[in-house]
Amino acid sequence: MAKARKTAIFDLEKTLLFRTLFLFTRSGELQFNNEHKHFLVQDNINQLMEGVKTGDYRSLAKAITLVENNLPGYEKLLMLLEHTQKAQVVGITGPPGAGKSTLVNALLHHWVRANKKVAVIAVDPSSPFNYGAILGDRIRMSDFYNHPNVFIRSLATRGALGGLNPKIIEITDLVKNARFDYILIETVGVGQSEVEIAGLADCTVVALVPEAGDAVQAMKAGIMEIANIFVVNKADREAAETMYRNLKILVHERADGAEETAVVKTVATEQKGIDELAAAIDTFLAGQNNSPEKRLHLLVDKSWQLMQASRMKSTDKTKLKETLAAAMNEPDFNLYTFTKAFEEQNR
């Protein structure tokens, strides 16, 4: 018995050693901005792209990691993307506590029953210090962890405004190249710059709760601009009917004779009103322009950001941190003078 146990341990050690050596020979040592070192197997980019296009979830997950972290090969991967509008992008936004994750889960149940393939990109707020996040949205989608028709990816905002991840446009374009019917993007909430989700999504759903009446008045102009569909979630509560009527009045006044924005009541935890919501989404998607002005605005901004990032590649953030740490204790320290001097020294 003891001999067999020793043999088993020895075989396990050999297997682990072989695996470590194999991964090491195929890995590149990468350094992130947080100064931690990681290893990632360097798959052939063309093969990875083929895996994405055939709907392989592992390939898609690897590709998203590549893009999200600016790992070697990510630019080549993005240049292999095809311009496709097959997958419809639906944004789910709204204030915290509106039940956005529960709505996403309910829509998944509806579309999976209809044999649709759905990707979910769920964004959570992150720490301003280490950019980490709890990524708790998945808790409400536990029914679909291993479902063959559902792909779920959680992302952190990493300090970005607007309730989205800084690489959300690139990641969405990547997911569009996989074989999905719908891409659901759940944002952190109605933030300072919701133009991103409004431009990125083919249909933007704003989720509200009955108690959010005052909040609606406070942000009336903003949400009226971005919402294609309003959802009064948790509609089994007392103030739901009042909230619903007020929203109907708002959209009627805003329409001014044109088609009114749809308002739908739901109880997502009980799957009530979800069929009506899905129908409203499909109706809007069927009648909207595939290349709206808001998308052009988003793409212009993103192209500008890409050019800015390209020009900043030569800037060493670690060196900047070290130099700034020494300079900030000087009695005559001025951030703007320092920045200009550092930029000129490192051209």
Protein backbone atom coordinates (compact mmCIF):
# COMPACT_ATOMS: atom_id res chain seq x y z
CA MET A 1 0.00 0.00 0.00
CA ALA A 2 2.79 2.41 0.99
CA LYS A 3 4.72 1.62 -2.20
CA ALA A 4 1.65 2.25 -4.38
CA ARG A 5 1.08 5.55 -2.60
CA LYS A 6 4.69 6.65 -3.19
CA THR A 7 4.39 5.70 -6.86
CA ALA A 8 1.18 7.72 -7.22
CA ILE A 9 2.78 10.78 -5.56
CA PHE A 10 5.84 10.44 -7.81
CA ASP A 11 3.65 10.22 -10.94
CA LEU A 12 1.70 13.30 -9.81
CA GLU A 13 4.92 15.24 -9.24
CA LYS A 14 6.16 14.29 -12.71
CA THR A 15 2.87 15.37 -14.27
CA LEU A 16 2.94 18.74 -12.48
CA LEU A 17 6.60 19.28 -13.43
CA PHE A 18 5.89 18.49 -17.08
CA ARG A 19 2.88 20.82 -17.06
CA THR A 20 4.96 23.64 -15.52
CA LEU A 21 7.76 23.20 -18.08
CA PHE A 22 5.25 23.04 -20.96
CA LEU A 23 3.50 26.22 -19.85
CA PHE A 24 6.81 27.98 -19.28
CA THR A 25 8.05 27.24 -22.78
CA ARG A 26 4.82 28.58 -24.31
CA SER A 27 4.45 31.57 -21.99
CA GLY A 28 5.59 35.16 -22.09
CA GLU A 29 6.29 37.06 -18.91
CA LEU A 30 4.00 40.08 -18.82
CA GLN A 31 3.99 43.09 -16.50
CA PHE A 32 0.76 44.95 -15.75
CA ASN A 33 0.46 48.53 -14.52
CA ASN A 34 -0.08 47.26 -10.96
CA GLU A 35 3.49 45.89 -11.08
CA HIS A 36 2.39 42.28 -10.59
CA LYS A 37 3.82 39.72 -13.01
CA HIS A 38 1.58 37.21 -14.76
CA PHE A 39 1.97 34.46 -17.31
CA LEU A 40 -0.38 33.84 -20.18
CA VAL A 41 -0.08 31.09 -22.77
CA GLN A 42 0.59 32.76 -26.12
CA ASP A 43 -1.87 31.10 -28.46
CA ASN A 44 -1.58 31.76 -32.14
CA ILE A 45 -3.73 34.83 -32.77
CA ASN A 46 -5.17 33.55 -36.03
CA GLN A 47 -6.20 30.26 -34.41
CA LEU A 48 -7.68 32.17 -31.49
CA MET A 49 -9.75 34.30 -33.87
CA GLU A 50 -10.98 31.19 -35.67
CA GLY A 51 -12.07 29.77 -32.32
CA VAL A 52 -14.00 32.96 -31.55
CA LYS A 53 -15.78 32.88 -34.92
CA THR A 54 -16.79 29.25 -34.49
CA GLY A 55 -18.39 30.06 -31.13
CA ASP A 56 -15.80 28.41 -28.87
CA TYR A 57 -16.29 29.96 -25.42
CA ARG A 58 -12.75 29.23 -24.21
CA SER A 59 -11.26 31.02 -27.21
CA LEU A 60 -13.62 33.95 -26.65
CA ALA A 61 -12.69 34.17 -22.95
CA LYS A 62 -8.95 34.13 -23.82
CA ALA A 63 -9.45 36.76 -26.50
CA ILE A 64 -11.32 39.07 -24.10
CA THR A 65 -8.52 38.71 -21.54
CA LEU A 66 -5.99 39.56 -24.24
CA VAL A 67 -7.85 42.72 -25.23
CA GLU A 68 -8.88 43.85 -21.75
CA ASN A 69 -5.28 43.79 -20.48
CA ASN A 70 -3.48 45.02 -23.63
CA LEU A 71 -1.49 41.77 -23.81
CA PRO A 72 0.88 41.07 -26.72
CA GLY A 73 -1.09 40.30 -29.86
CA TYR A 74 -4.27 42.12 -28.87
CA GLU A 75 -3.92 44.74 -31.62
CA LYS A 76 -3.50 42.06 -34.29
CA LEU A 77 -6.56 40.28 -32.90
CA LEU A 78 -8.65 43.45 -33.14
CA MET A 79 -7.53 44.01 -36.72
CA LEU A 80 -8.83 40.55 -37.63
CA LEU A 81 -12.37 41.46 -36.52
CA GLU A 82 -15.08 41.60 -39.15
CA HIS A 83 -17.64 44.40 -39.28
CA THR A 84 -20.79 42.54 -38.34
CA GLN A 85 -24.15 43.67 -36.97
CA LYS A 86 -25.70 40.20 -36.70
CA ALA A 87 -25.73 40.16 -32.90
CA GLN A 88 -28.07 42.78 -31.44
CA VAL A 89 -26.59 44.72 -28.50
CA VAL A 90 -29.01 45.49 -25.67
CA GLY A 91 -27.85 47.78 -22.86
CA ILE A 92 -29.42 47.47 -19.41
CA THR A 93 -28.81 50.51 -17.21
CA GLY A 94 -30.44 52.34 -14.32
CA PRO A 95 -29.75 53.41 -10.73
CA PRO A 96 -28.34 50.96 -8.15
CA GLY A 97 -31.01 48.68 -6.72
CA ALA A 98 -33.22 48.75 -9.80
CA GLY A 99 -32.78 44.99 -10.30
CA LYS A 100 -30.69 45.14 -13.48
CA SER A 101 -28.99 41.77 -12.90
CA THR A 102 -32.33 40.14 -12.10
CA LEU A 103 -33.78 41.59 -15.32
CA VAL A 104 -30.85 40.19 -17.29
CA ASN A 105 -31.39 36.78 -15.71
CA ALA A 106 -35.11 36.90 -16.57
CA LEU A 107 -34.35 37.85 -20.21
CA LEU A 108 -31.90 34.95 -20.40
CA HIS A 109 -34.67 32.55 -19.36
CA HIS A 110 -36.94 34.02 -22.05
CA TRP A 111 -34.42 33.90 -24.91
CA VAL A 112 -32.95 30.52 -24.00
CA ARG A 113 -36.45 29.05 -24.15
CA ALA A 114 -36.64 30.48 -27.67
CA ASN A 115 -33.34 28.72 -28.49
CA LYS A 116 -31.40 31.98 -28.83
CA LYS A 117 -27.69 32.31 -28.09
CA VAL A 118 -26.94 35.15 -25.68
CA ALA A 119 -23.73 36.75 -24.40
CA VAL A 120 -23.80 38.77 -21.17
CA ILE A 121 -21.17 41.40 -20.35
CA ALA A 122 -21.78 42.45 -16.75
CA VAL A 123 -19.85 45.46 -15.46
CA ASP A 124 -19.25 46.08 -11.74
CA PRO A 125 -17.75 49.12 -9.99
CA SER A 126 -14.08 48.74 -9.09
CA SER A 127 -11.71 50.04 -6.45
CA PRO A 128 -10.05 53.34 -7.42
CA PHE A 129 -6.78 51.99 -5.95
CA ASN A 130 -6.29 48.50 -7.41
CA TYR A 131 -9.13 48.46 -10.00
CA GLY A 132 -10.43 45.18 -8.54
CA ALA A 133 -14.15 44.42 -8.20
CA ILE A 134 -16.45 41.92 -6.52
CA LEU A 135 -18.15 41.10 -9.83
CA GLY A 136 -21.25 39.89 -7.99
CA ASP A 137 -23.63 40.11 -10.95
CA ARG A 138 -23.02 36.44 -11.69
CA ILE A 139 -24.75 35.40 -8.46
CA ARG A 140 -28.13 36.18 -10.03
CA MET A 141 -27.26 34.30 -13.22
CA SER A 142 -26.20 31.02 -11.59
CA ASP A 143 -28.75 29.07 -13.66
CA PHE A 144 -26.67 29.73 -16.79
CA TYR A 145 -23.06 29.13 -15.69
CA ASN A 146 -22.70 26.05 -17.88
CA HIS A 147 -25.50 26.58 -20.37
CA PRO A 148 -24.33 25.96 -23.96
CA ASN A 149 -26.35 28.91 -25.31
CA VAL A 150 -25.13 31.47 -22.77
CA PHE A 151 -21.73 33.14 -22.33
CA ILE A 152 -21.23 35.34 -19.25
CA ARG A 153 -18.25 37.63 -18.73
CA SER A 154 -17.86 39.96 -15.76
CA LEU A 155 -15.76 43.11 -16.09
CA ALA A 156 -14.69 45.88 -13.73
CA THR A 157 -15.05 49.56 -14.56
CA ARG A 158 -11.33 50.08 -13.74
CA GLY A 159 -11.92 53.73 -12.99
CA ALA A 160 -13.88 54.51 -16.17
CA LEU A 161 -16.86 56.84 -16.01
CA GLY A 162 -20.19 56.07 -17.65
CA GLY A 163 -20.74 52.73 -15.91
CA LEU A 164 -18.65 50.70 -18.36
CA ASN A 165 -15.21 49.12 -18.77
CA PRO A 166 -12.56 51.19 -20.66
CA LYS A 167 -12.31 48.41 -23.27
CA ILE A 168 -16.05 47.80 -23.61
CA ILE A 169 -16.19 48.83 -27.28
CA GLU A 170 -13.36 46.51 -28.29
CA ILE A 171 -14.76 43.65 -26.18
CA THR A 172 -18.25 44.12 -27.64
CA ASP A 173 -16.87 44.09 -31.18
CA LEU A 174 -15.01 40.89 -30.30
CA VAL A 175 -18.14 39.21 -28.91
CA LYS A 176 -20.07 40.31 -32.02
CA ASN A 177 -17.76 38.09 -34.08
CA ALA A 178 -18.87 35.04 -32.09
CA ARG A 179 -22.16 33.36 -32.91
CA PHE A 180 -24.70 35.14 -30.72
CA ASP A 181 -28.20 36.45 -31.36
CA TYR A 182 -28.13 38.98 -28.51
CA ILE A 183 -25.41 40.66 -26.46
CA LEU A 184 -26.66 41.99 -23.12
CA ILE A 185 -24.50 44.68 -21.49
CA GLU A 186 -25.32 45.52 -17.91
CA THR A 187 -23.80 48.79 -16.69
CA VAL A 188 -22.94 49.90 -13.17
CA GLY A 189 -25.75 52.46 -13.22
CA VAL A 190 -26.78 55.83 -14.57
CA GLY A 191 -23.46 57.64 -14.31
CA GLN A 192 -21.74 60.79 -15.47
CA SER A 193 -21.39 59.81 -19.12
CA GLU A 194 -24.07 57.36 -20.22
CA VAL A 195 -23.42 58.35 -23.84
CA GLU A 196 -21.24 55.25 -24.06
CA ILE A 197 -24.00 52.71 -23.49
CA ALA A 198 -26.39 54.79 -25.59
CA GLY A 199 -23.94 54.74 -28.51
CA LEU A 200 -22.78 51.18 -28.01
CA ALA A 201 -26.18 49.52 -27.66
CA ASP A 202 -28.68 49.01 -30.47
CA CYS A 203 -31.36 49.27 -27.78
CA THR A 204 -30.95 50.87 -24.33
CA VAL A 205 -33.26 49.71 -21.54
CA VAL A 206 -33.46 51.93 -18.45
CA ALA A 207 -34.61 50.04 -15.37
CA LEU A 208 -36.29 51.95 -12.53
CA VAL A 209 -38.07 51.02 -9.32
CA PRO A 210 -41.29 52.53 -7.87
CA GLU A 211 -39.37 54.41 -5.16
CA ALA A 212 -37.21 56.18 -7.78
CA GLY A 213 -39.79 58.90 -8.50
CA ASP A 214 -37.63 61.76 -7.19
CA ALA A 215 -34.57 60.35 -8.95
CA VAL A 216 -36.47 60.35 -12.26
CA GLN A 217 -37.25 64.04 -11.83
CA ALA A 218 -33.61 64.80 -10.99
CA MET A 219 -32.19 63.06 -14.05
CA LYS A 220 -35.18 63.48 -16.37
CA ALA A 221 -33.28 65.05 -19.27
CA GLY A 222 -30.45 62.52 -19.18
CA ILE A 223 -32.51 59.34 -19.08
CA MET A 224 -34.98 60.64 -21.62
CA GLU A 225 -32.05 61.04 -24.03
CA ILE A 226 -30.61 57.53 -23.59
CA ALA A 227 -33.71 55.37 -22.99
CA ASN A 228 -35.26 53.40 -25.83
CA ILE A 229 -37.40 51.42 -23.36
CA PHE A 230 -38.31 52.15 -19.74
CA VAL A 231 -38.85 49.30 -17.29
CA VAL A 232 -40.64 49.78 -13.98
CA ASN A 233 -39.21 46.76 -12.17
CA LYS A 234 -40.53 45.41 -8.86
CA ALA A 235 -43.96 46.46 -10.10
CA ASP A 236 -45.69 44.54 -7.29
CA ARG A 237 -44.83 47.36 -4.90
CA GLU A 238 -47.35 50.04 -3.86
CA ALA A 239 -45.98 53.02 -5.77
CA ALA A 240 -45.51 51.09 -9.03
CA GLU A 241 -48.69 52.24 -10.74
CA THR A 242 -47.99 55.89 -9.94
CA MET A 243 -44.46 55.55 -11.26
CA TYR A 244 -45.75 53.87 -14.42
CA ARG A 245 -48.32 56.64 -15.07
CA ASN A 246 -45.73 59.39 -14.48
CA LEU A 247 -43.35 57.79 -16.96
CA LYS A 248 -46.12 57.46 -19.55
CA ILE A 249 -46.82 61.18 -19.17
CA LEU A 250 -43.10 61.97 -19.52
CA VAL A 251 -42.65 59.94 -22.71
CA HIS A 252 -45.87 61.36 -24.18
CA GLU A 253 -44.68 64.95 -23.59
CA ARG A 254 -41.27 64.12 -24.99
CA ALA A 255 -42.60 62.42 -28.11
CA ASP A 256 -44.39 65.56 -29.36
CA GLY A 257 -46.36 63.61 -31.94
CA ALA A 258 -43.60 61.12 -32.77
CA GLU A 259 -43.53 57.49 -31.61
CA GLU A 260 -43.46 57.24 -27.82
CA THR A 261 -40.79 55.39 -25.84
CA ALA A 262 -42.15 52.08 -24.55
CA VAL A 263 -42.81 51.73 -20.81
CA VAL A 264 -43.07 48.18 -19.41
CA LYS A 265 -43.92 46.92 -15.92
CA THR A 266 -42.05 43.84 -14.68
CA VAL A 267 -41.50 41.70 -11.62
CA ALA A 268 -38.26 40.10 -12.77
CA THR A 269 -37.96 37.71 -9.81
CA GLU A 270 -41.27 36.12 -10.83
CA GLN A 271 -40.71 36.41 -14.61
CA LYS A 272 -43.75 38.69 -14.86
CA GLY A 273 -43.77 41.17 -17.74
CA ILE A 274 -40.60 39.70 -19.27
CA ASP A 275 -42.40 38.49 -22.41
CA GLU A 276 -43.69 42.04 -22.93
CA LEU A 277 -40.21 43.48 -22.35
CA ALA A 278 -38.60 41.07 -24.83
CA ALA A 279 -41.30 41.90 -27.39
CA ALA A 280 -40.67 45.64 -26.89
CA ILE A 281 -36.93 45.10 -27.42
CA ASP A 282 -37.50 43.11 -30.62
CA THR A 283 -39.98 45.71 -31.90
CA PHE A 284 -37.50 48.52 -31.33
CA LEU A 285 -34.61 46.58 -32.89
CA ALA A 286 -36.67 45.78 -35.97
CA GLY A 287 -37.46 49.43 -36.62
CA GLN A 288 -34.22 51.19 -35.76
CA ASN A 289 -31.42 52.37 -38.03
CA ASN A 290 -28.32 50.15 -37.89
CA SER A 291 -25.96 53.16 -38.19
CA PRO A 292 -27.44 55.94 -36.03
CA GLU A 293 -25.75 59.28 -35.41
CA LYS A 294 -25.07 58.34 -31.78
CA ARG A 295 -22.95 55.37 -32.91
CA LEU A 296 -20.93 57.62 -35.21
CA HIS A 297 -20.31 59.95 -32.26
CA LEU A 298 -19.14 57.00 -30.14
CA LEU A 299 -16.81 55.67 -32.84
CA VAL A 300 -15.24 59.09 -33.42
CA ASP A 301 -14.52 59.36 -29.67
CA LYS A 302 -13.13 55.81 -29.55
CA SER A 303 -10.89 56.36 -32.57
CA TRP A 304 -9.57 59.51 -30.87
CA GLN A 305 -8.88 57.52 -27.66
CA LEU A 306 -7.02 54.82 -29.62
CA MET A 307 -4.77 57.42 -31.22
CA GLN A 308 -4.12 59.01 -27.81
CA ALA A 309 -3.24 55.62 -26.29
CA SER A 310 -0.88 54.85 -29.18
CA ARG A 311 1.01 58.08 -28.59
CA MET A 312 1.26 57.36 -24.85
CA LYS A 313 2.88 53.93 -25.32
CA SER A 314 6.37 55.34 -24.85
CA THR A 315 5.46 56.76 -21.42
CA ASP A 316 6.70 54.53 -18.58
CA LYS A 317 4.10 54.76 -15.81
CA THR A 318 6.44 53.18 -13.25
CA LYS A 319 9.09 55.79 -13.98
CA LEU A 320 6.41 58.51 -13.78
CA LYS A 321 5.35 57.23 -10.35
CA GLU A 322 8.92 57.16 -9.03
CA THR A 323 9.72 60.64 -10.36
CA LEU A 324 6.46 62.08 -9.06
CA ALA A 325 6.99 60.49 -5.62
CA ALA A 326 10.30 62.35 -5.33
CA ALA A 327 8.98 65.64 -6.72
CA MET A 328 5.71 65.94 -4.78
CA ASN A 329 7.50 66.60 -1.47
CA GLU A 330 9.27 69.66 -2.85
CA PRO A 331 7.91 72.91 -1.33
CA ASP A 332 7.40 74.52 -4.75
CA PHE A 333 5.80 71.42 -6.37
CA ASN A 334 3.31 72.16 -9.14
CA LEU A 335 1.61 69.23 -10.91
CA TYR A 336 1.23 71.04 -14.22
CA THR A 337 4.82 72.27 -14.35
CA PHE A 338 6.01 68.79 -13.40
CA THR A 339 3.87 67.11 -16.08
CA LYS A 340 5.12 69.41 -18.82
CA ALA A 341 8.75 68.91 -17.79
CA PHE A 342 8.36 65.11 -17.56
CA GLU A 343 6.70 65.00 -20.99
CA GLU A 344 9.51 67.00 -22.60
CA GLN A 345 12.21 64.84 -20.96
CA ASN A 346 10.61 61.60 -22.18
CA ARG A 347 9.78 62.42 -25.79
